[in-house]
């Protein structure tokens, strides 16, 4: 269950992204804000890698992994650019739930591309996420 602890921590810090981001982009171009954020993340992530001593593993990464890490990075960048623009234009309490549709989409894509088996729990959970987003965003 260690993965669940990390997942909860991820959710907590992701919630802070919306709050801090909304405050931070006031009067700042959203793309510039993403660029600034990205530089900080690069230094932060490499600092952790250097402290762990895992930088030497770079040469052991396969071309296949490099390709999908590259695609993941592009997807991350696009997600951040669109997210920050949405935050700049909308309310964080409405933008963040829509962003969390990624949960339901990930479940669906995991079935299609990763061959993961649907369960009652993940199908129902994904459906409830979509329902929750609709309620959060469209009911006043």
Protein backbone atom coordinates (compact mmCIF):
# COMPACT_ATOMS: atom_id res chain seq x y z
CA UNK A 1 0.00 0.00 0.00
CA UNK A 2 3.03 2.32 -0.19
CA UNK A 3 1.79 3.39 -3.62
CA UNK A 4 -1.45 4.65 -2.03
CA UNK A 5 0.46 6.91 0.36
CA UNK A 6 2.34 8.43 -2.57
CA UNK A 7 -0.94 8.80 -4.50
CA UNK A 8 -2.56 10.67 -1.59
CA UNK A 9 0.48 12.93 -1.30
CA UNK A 10 0.30 13.54 -5.05
CA UNK A 11 -3.37 14.53 -4.76
CA UNK A 12 -2.61 16.87 -1.86
CA UNK A 13 0.21 18.65 -3.68
CA UNK A 14 -1.83 18.73 -6.91
CA UNK A 15 -4.51 20.62 -5.01
CA UNK A 16 -1.90 23.16 -3.97
CA UNK A 17 -0.90 23.56 -7.63
CA UNK A 18 -4.33 25.02 -8.38
CA UNK A 19 -4.36 27.34 -5.38
CA UNK A 20 -0.76 28.58 -5.63
CA UNK A 21 -0.99 28.73 -9.43
CA UNK A 22 -4.17 30.82 -9.40
CA UNK A 23 -2.58 33.28 -6.97
CA UNK A 24 0.76 33.28 -8.82
CA UNK A 25 -0.55 33.98 -12.31
CA UNK A 26 -2.36 37.14 -11.36
CA UNK A 27 -1.00 39.73 -13.79
CA UNK A 28 1.40 37.21 -15.39
CA UNK A 29 1.07 35.63 -18.85
CA UNK A 30 0.03 32.01 -18.27
CA UNK A 31 2.67 30.63 -20.68
CA UNK A 32 5.41 32.61 -18.94
CA UNK A 33 4.15 31.28 -15.60
CA UNK A 34 4.42 27.70 -16.90
CA UNK A 35 7.96 28.36 -18.15
CA UNK A 36 9.01 29.73 -14.76
CA UNK A 37 7.37 26.79 -12.99
CA UNK A 38 9.11 24.35 -15.34
CA UNK A 39 12.57 25.77 -14.63
CA UNK A 40 11.97 25.41 -10.90
CA UNK A 41 10.74 21.83 -11.36
CA UNK A 42 13.82 20.94 -13.45
CA UNK A 43 16.19 22.13 -10.72
CA UNK A 44 14.09 20.50 -8.00
CA UNK A 45 13.89 17.12 -9.80
CA UNK A 46 17.59 17.07 -10.72
CA UNK A 47 18.47 18.03 -7.15
CA UNK A 48 16.62 14.95 -5.91
CA UNK A 49 18.27 12.72 -8.54
CA UNK A 50 21.72 14.02 -7.56
CA UNK A 51 21.02 13.58 -3.84
CA UNK A 52 19.84 10.00 -4.48
CA UNK A 53 22.87 9.30 -6.66
CA UNK A 54 20.74 7.85 -9.47
CA UNK A 55 22.01 10.06 -12.33
CA UNK A 56 24.37 7.25 -13.39
CA UNK A 57 21.33 5.24 -14.52
CA UNK A 58 20.81 7.61 -17.49
CA UNK A 59 22.94 5.45 -19.79
CA UNK A 60 20.84 2.37 -18.96
CA UNK A 61 17.54 3.81 -20.18
CA UNK A 62 16.29 2.08 -23.34
CA UNK A 63 15.28 3.90 -26.53
CA UNK A 64 11.74 2.67 -25.97
CA UNK A 65 11.65 4.27 -22.51
CA UNK A 66 13.23 7.49 -23.84
CA UNK A 67 10.53 7.74 -26.51
CA UNK A 68 7.69 7.35 -24.03
CA UNK A 69 9.32 9.64 -21.47
CA UNK A 70 9.59 12.22 -24.25
CA UNK A 71 5.91 11.79 -25.17
CA UNK A 72 4.96 12.00 -21.50
CA UNK A 73 6.94 15.23 -21.17
CA UNK A 74 5.19 16.75 -24.18
CA UNK A 75 1.80 15.71 -22.77
CA UNK A 76 2.78 17.21 -19.39
CA UNK A 77 3.82 20.48 -21.00
CA UNK A 78 0.60 20.74 -22.99
CA UNK A 79 -1.44 19.88 -19.89
CA UNK A 80 0.30 22.59 -17.86
CA UNK A 81 -0.06 25.22 -20.58
CA UNK A 82 -3.78 24.57 -20.96
CA UNK A 83 -4.30 24.25 -17.20
CA UNK A 84 -2.61 27.55 -16.40
CA UNK A 85 -4.52 29.32 -19.17
CA UNK A 86 -7.78 27.88 -17.83
CA UNK A 87 -6.82 28.99 -14.30
CA UNK A 88 -6.10 32.47 -15.57
CA UNK A 89 -9.50 32.70 -17.24
CA UNK A 90 -11.66 30.75 -14.77
CA UNK A 91 -12.23 29.94 -11.14
CA UNK A 92 -9.89 27.37 -9.59
CA UNK A 93 -12.90 25.64 -8.00
CA UNK A 94 -14.27 24.97 -11.50
CA UNK A 95 -11.05 24.48 -13.46
CA UNK A 96 -9.48 21.89 -11.12
CA UNK A 97 -12.44 19.48 -11.20
CA UNK A 98 -12.53 19.53 -15.01
CA UNK A 99 -8.80 18.83 -15.01
CA UNK A 100 -9.53 15.79 -12.84
CA UNK A 101 -11.50 14.26 -15.70
CA UNK A 102 -8.02 12.94 -16.42
CA UNK A 103 -8.76 10.31 -13.77
CA UNK A 104 -11.66 8.85 -15.76
CA UNK A 105 -9.76 9.22 -19.04
CA UNK A 106 -6.73 7.45 -17.57
CA UNK A 107 -8.90 4.55 -16.42
CA UNK A 108 -10.38 4.23 -19.93
CA UNK A 109 -7.00 4.55 -21.67
CA UNK A 110 -5.46 2.00 -19.29
CA UNK A 111 -8.09 -0.50 -20.46
CA UNK A 112 -7.46 0.28 -24.12
CA UNK A 113 -3.67 0.73 -24.31
CA UNK A 114 -2.28 -1.06 -21.25
CA UNK A 115 -4.61 -4.04 -21.32
CA UNK A 116 -5.72 -3.48 -17.74
CA UNK A 117 -8.91 -5.29 -16.84
CA UNK A 118 -12.00 -3.28 -15.98
CA UNK A 119 -13.35 -3.88 -12.50
CA UNK A 120 -16.61 -2.78 -10.97
CA UNK A 121 -14.60 -0.48 -8.72
CA UNK A 122 -12.65 1.38 -11.38
CA UNK A 123 -15.57 1.64 -13.82
CA UNK A 124 -17.90 2.89 -11.08
CA UNK A 125 -15.19 5.17 -9.70
CA UNK A 126 -14.48 6.69 -13.11
CA UNK A 127 -18.19 7.21 -13.68
CA UNK A 128 -18.53 8.91 -10.29
CA UNK A 129 -15.59 11.19 -11.09
CA UNK A 130 -17.33 12.28 -14.29
CA UNK A 131 -20.59 12.78 -12.39
CA UNK A 132 -18.78 14.75 -9.70
CA UNK A 133 -17.18 17.02 -12.28
CA UNK A 134 -20.54 17.66 -13.92
CA UNK A 135 -22.12 18.49 -10.56
CA UNK A 136 -19.23 20.70 -9.47
CA UNK A 137 -19.02 22.65 -12.70
CA UNK A 138 -22.59 22.92 -13.89
CA UNK A 139 -24.80 23.10 -10.78
CA UNK A 140 -24.98 26.53 -9.21
